[in-house]
């Protein structure tokens, strides 16, 4: 009786031990999944780098455009001052000619 009980318990322990271990097929599946995850992560990194490069180029272009716009505003203001001065001189000359 004791030997039968010992044999049955050994069979149960052996059965549970073997079912808990991963098979080579399971290991291959896990490795394939890991490779797929690594490939997706690498692609995500590449996409992020490309997006950053595009954003940096857009910011640089925006900064250049802002600098040109500021320069154009300065030039326009200078021309406006010159035009006002010329208008004042012309008005003064007209007023002077009207007095004569």
C-alpha atoms as a PDB file:
ATOM      1  CA  UNK A   1       0.000   0.000   0.000  1.00  0.00           C
ATOM      2  CA  UNK A   2       2.783   2.381   0.896  1.00  0.00           C
ATOM      3  CA  UNK A   3       4.613   1.667  -2.344  1.00  0.00           C
ATOM      4  CA  UNK A   4       1.453   2.242  -4.388  1.00  0.00           C
ATOM      5  CA  UNK A   5       0.935   5.576  -2.620  1.00  0.00           C
ATOM      6  CA  UNK A   6       4.583   6.468  -3.158  1.00  0.00           C
ATOM      7  CA  UNK A   7       4.413   5.568  -6.858  1.00  0.00           C
ATOM      8  CA  UNK A   8       1.208   7.564  -7.372  1.00  0.00           C
ATOM      9  CA  UNK A   9       2.598  10.609  -5.561  1.00  0.00           C
ATOM     10  CA  UNK A  10       5.839  10.410  -7.593  1.00  0.00           C
ATOM     11  CA  UNK A  11       3.791  10.265 -10.805  1.00  0.00           C
ATOM     12  CA  UNK A  12       1.788  13.332  -9.753  1.00  0.00           C
ATOM     13  CA  UNK A  13       4.932  15.273  -8.813  1.00  0.00           C
ATOM     14  CA  UNK A  14       6.634  14.303 -12.061  1.00  0.00           C
ATOM     15  CA  UNK A  15       3.535  15.221 -14.095  1.00  0.00           C
ATOM     16  CA  UNK A  16       3.166  18.658 -12.538  1.00  0.00           C
ATOM     17  CA  UNK A  17       6.880  19.339 -12.906  1.00  0.00           C
ATOM     18  CA  UNK A  18       6.912  18.515 -16.602  1.00  0.00           C
ATOM     19  CA  UNK A  19       3.764  20.465 -17.436  1.00  0.00           C
ATOM     20  CA  UNK A  20       5.196  23.584 -15.766  1.00  0.00           C
ATOM     21  CA  UNK A  21       8.295  23.647 -18.009  1.00  0.00           C
ATOM     22  CA  UNK A  22       8.331  25.476 -21.323  1.00  0.00           C
ATOM     23  CA  UNK A  23       8.827  23.438 -24.438  1.00  0.00           C
ATOM     24  CA  UNK A  24      11.210  24.365 -27.224  1.00  0.00           C
ATOM     25  CA  UNK A  25       8.202  25.371 -29.307  1.00  0.00           C
ATOM     26  CA  UNK A  26       7.115  27.756 -26.554  1.00  0.00           C
ATOM     27  CA  UNK A  27      10.622  29.181 -26.391  1.00  0.00           C
ATOM     28  CA  UNK A  28      10.681  29.715 -30.167  1.00  0.00           C
ATOM     29  CA  UNK A  29       7.315  31.500 -29.992  1.00  0.00           C
ATOM     30  CA  UNK A  30       8.609  33.761 -27.225  1.00  0.00           C
ATOM     31  CA  UNK A  31      11.774  34.542 -29.203  1.00  0.00           C
ATOM     32  CA  UNK A  32       9.726  35.324 -32.311  1.00  0.00           C
ATOM     33  CA  UNK A  33       7.462  37.620 -30.302  1.00  0.00           C
ATOM     34  CA  UNK A  34      10.489  39.323 -28.756  1.00  0.00           C
ATOM     35  CA  UNK A  35      12.026  39.884 -32.192  1.00  0.00           C
ATOM     36  CA  UNK A  36       8.723  41.342 -33.429  1.00  0.00           C
ATOM     37  CA  UNK A  37       8.536  43.668 -30.430  1.00  0.00           C
ATOM     38  CA  UNK A  38      12.157  44.736 -30.965  1.00  0.00           C
ATOM     39  CA  UNK A  39      11.474  45.449 -34.646  1.00  0.00           C
ATOM     40  CA  UNK A  40       8.414  47.539 -33.772  1.00  0.00           C
ATOM     41  CA  UNK A  41      10.401  49.453 -31.153  1.00  0.00           C
ATOM     42  CA  UNK A  42      13.204  50.134 -33.647  1.00  0.00           C
ATOM     43  CA  UNK A  43      10.662  51.368 -36.190  1.00  0.00           C
ATOM     44  CA  UNK A  44       9.078  53.623 -33.580  1.00  0.00           C
ATOM     45  CA  UNK A  45      12.489  55.095 -32.744  1.00  0.00           C
ATOM     46  CA  UNK A  46      13.203  55.729 -36.424  1.00  0.00           C
ATOM     47  CA  UNK A  47       9.784  57.366 -36.887  1.00  0.00           C
ATOM     48  CA  UNK A  48      10.369  59.563 -33.856  1.00  0.00           C
ATOM     49  CA  UNK A  49      13.780  60.628 -35.144  1.00  0.00           C
ATOM     50  CA  UNK A  50      12.320  61.468 -38.547  1.00  0.00           C
ATOM     51  CA  UNK A  51       9.523  63.466 -36.933  1.00  0.00           C
ATOM     52  CA  UNK A  52      12.040  65.362 -34.803  1.00  0.00           C
ATOM     53  CA  UNK A  53      14.165  66.175 -37.836  1.00  0.00           C
ATOM     54  CA  UNK A  54      11.084  67.432 -39.695  1.00  0.00           C
ATOM     55  CA  UNK A  55      10.023  69.532 -36.712  1.00  0.00           C
ATOM     56  CA  UNK A  56      13.533  71.006 -36.384  1.00  0.00           C
ATOM     57  CA  UNK A  57      13.578  71.916 -40.081  1.00  0.00           C
ATOM     58  CA  UNK A  58      10.134  73.528 -39.802  1.00  0.00           C
ATOM     59  CA  UNK A  59      11.233  75.534 -36.754  1.00  0.00           C
ATOM     60  CA  UNK A  60      14.342  76.738 -38.558  1.00  0.00           C
ATOM     61  CA  UNK A  61      12.279  77.810 -41.562  1.00  0.00           C
ATOM     62  CA  UNK A  62       9.788  79.534 -39.272  1.00  0.00           C
ATOM     63  CA  UNK A  63      12.591  81.410 -37.506  1.00  0.00           C
ATOM     64  CA  UNK A  64      14.028  82.525 -40.839  1.00  0.00           C
ATOM     65  CA  UNK A  65      10.602  83.707 -41.999  1.00  0.00           C
ATOM     66  CA  UNK A  66      10.083  85.633 -38.762  1.00  0.00           C
ATOM     67  CA  UNK A  67      13.462  87.336 -39.146  1.00  0.00           C
ATOM     68  CA  UNK A  68      12.627  88.341 -42.727  1.00  0.00           C
ATOM     69  CA  UNK A  69       9.227  89.667 -41.637  1.00  0.00           C
ATOM     70  CA  UNK A  70      10.782  91.738 -38.857  1.00  0.00           C
ATOM     71  CA  UNK A  71      13.320  93.126 -41.307  1.00  0.00           C
ATOM     72  CA  UNK A  72      10.549  93.981 -43.780  1.00  0.00           C
ATOM     73  CA  UNK A  73       8.652  95.807 -41.025  1.00  0.00           C
ATOM     74  CA  UNK A  74      11.740  97.859 -40.170  1.00  0.00           C
ATOM     75  CA  UNK A  75      12.292  98.770 -43.824  1.00  0.00           C
ATOM     76  CA  UNK A  76       8.613  99.727 -44.200  1.00  0.00           C
ATOM     77  CA  UNK A  77       8.783 101.933 -41.105  1.00  0.00           C
ATOM     78  CA  UNK A  78      11.906 103.666 -42.425  1.00  0.00           C
ATOM     79  CA  UNK A  79      10.221 104.282 -45.788  1.00  0.00           C
ATOM     80  CA  UNK A  80       7.167 105.642 -44.011  1.00  0.00           C
ATOM     81  CA  UNK A  81       9.344 108.119 -42.099  1.00  0.00           C
ATOM     82  CA  UNK A  82      11.044 109.221 -45.305  1.00  0.00           C
ATOM     83  CA  UNK A  83       7.671 109.616 -47.043  1.00  0.00           C
ATOM     84  CA  UNK A  84       6.324 111.668 -44.126  1.00  0.00           C
ATOM     85  CA  UNK A  85       9.397 113.924 -44.218  1.00  0.00           C
ATOM     86  CA  UNK A  86       9.045 114.401 -47.972  1.00  0.00           C
ATOM     87  CA  UNK A  87       5.327 115.160 -47.554  1.00  0.00           C
ATOM     88  CA  UNK A  88       6.110 117.756 -44.881  1.00  0.00           C
ATOM     89  CA  UNK A  89       8.749 119.371 -47.109  1.00  0.00           C
ATOM     90  CA  UNK A  90       6.364 119.399 -50.056  1.00  0.00           C
ATOM     91  CA  UNK A  91       3.620 120.911 -47.901  1.00  0.00           C
ATOM     92  CA  UNK A  92       5.999 123.537 -46.564  1.00  0.00           C
ATOM     93  CA  UNK A  93       7.123 124.399 -50.108  1.00  0.00           C
ATOM     94  CA  UNK A  94       3.493 124.629 -51.225  1.00  0.00           C
ATOM     95  CA  UNK A  95       2.610 126.852 -48.282  1.00  0.00           C
ATOM     96  CA  UNK A  96       5.612 129.045 -49.030  1.00  0.00           C
ATOM     97  CA  UNK A  97       4.643 129.316 -52.696  1.00  0.00           C
ATOM     98  CA  UNK A  98       1.073 130.212 -51.727  1.00  0.00           C
ATOM     99  CA  UNK A  99       2.283 133.117 -49.569  1.00  0.00           C
ATOM    100  CA  UNK A 100       4.095 134.731 -52.464  1.00  0.00           C
END
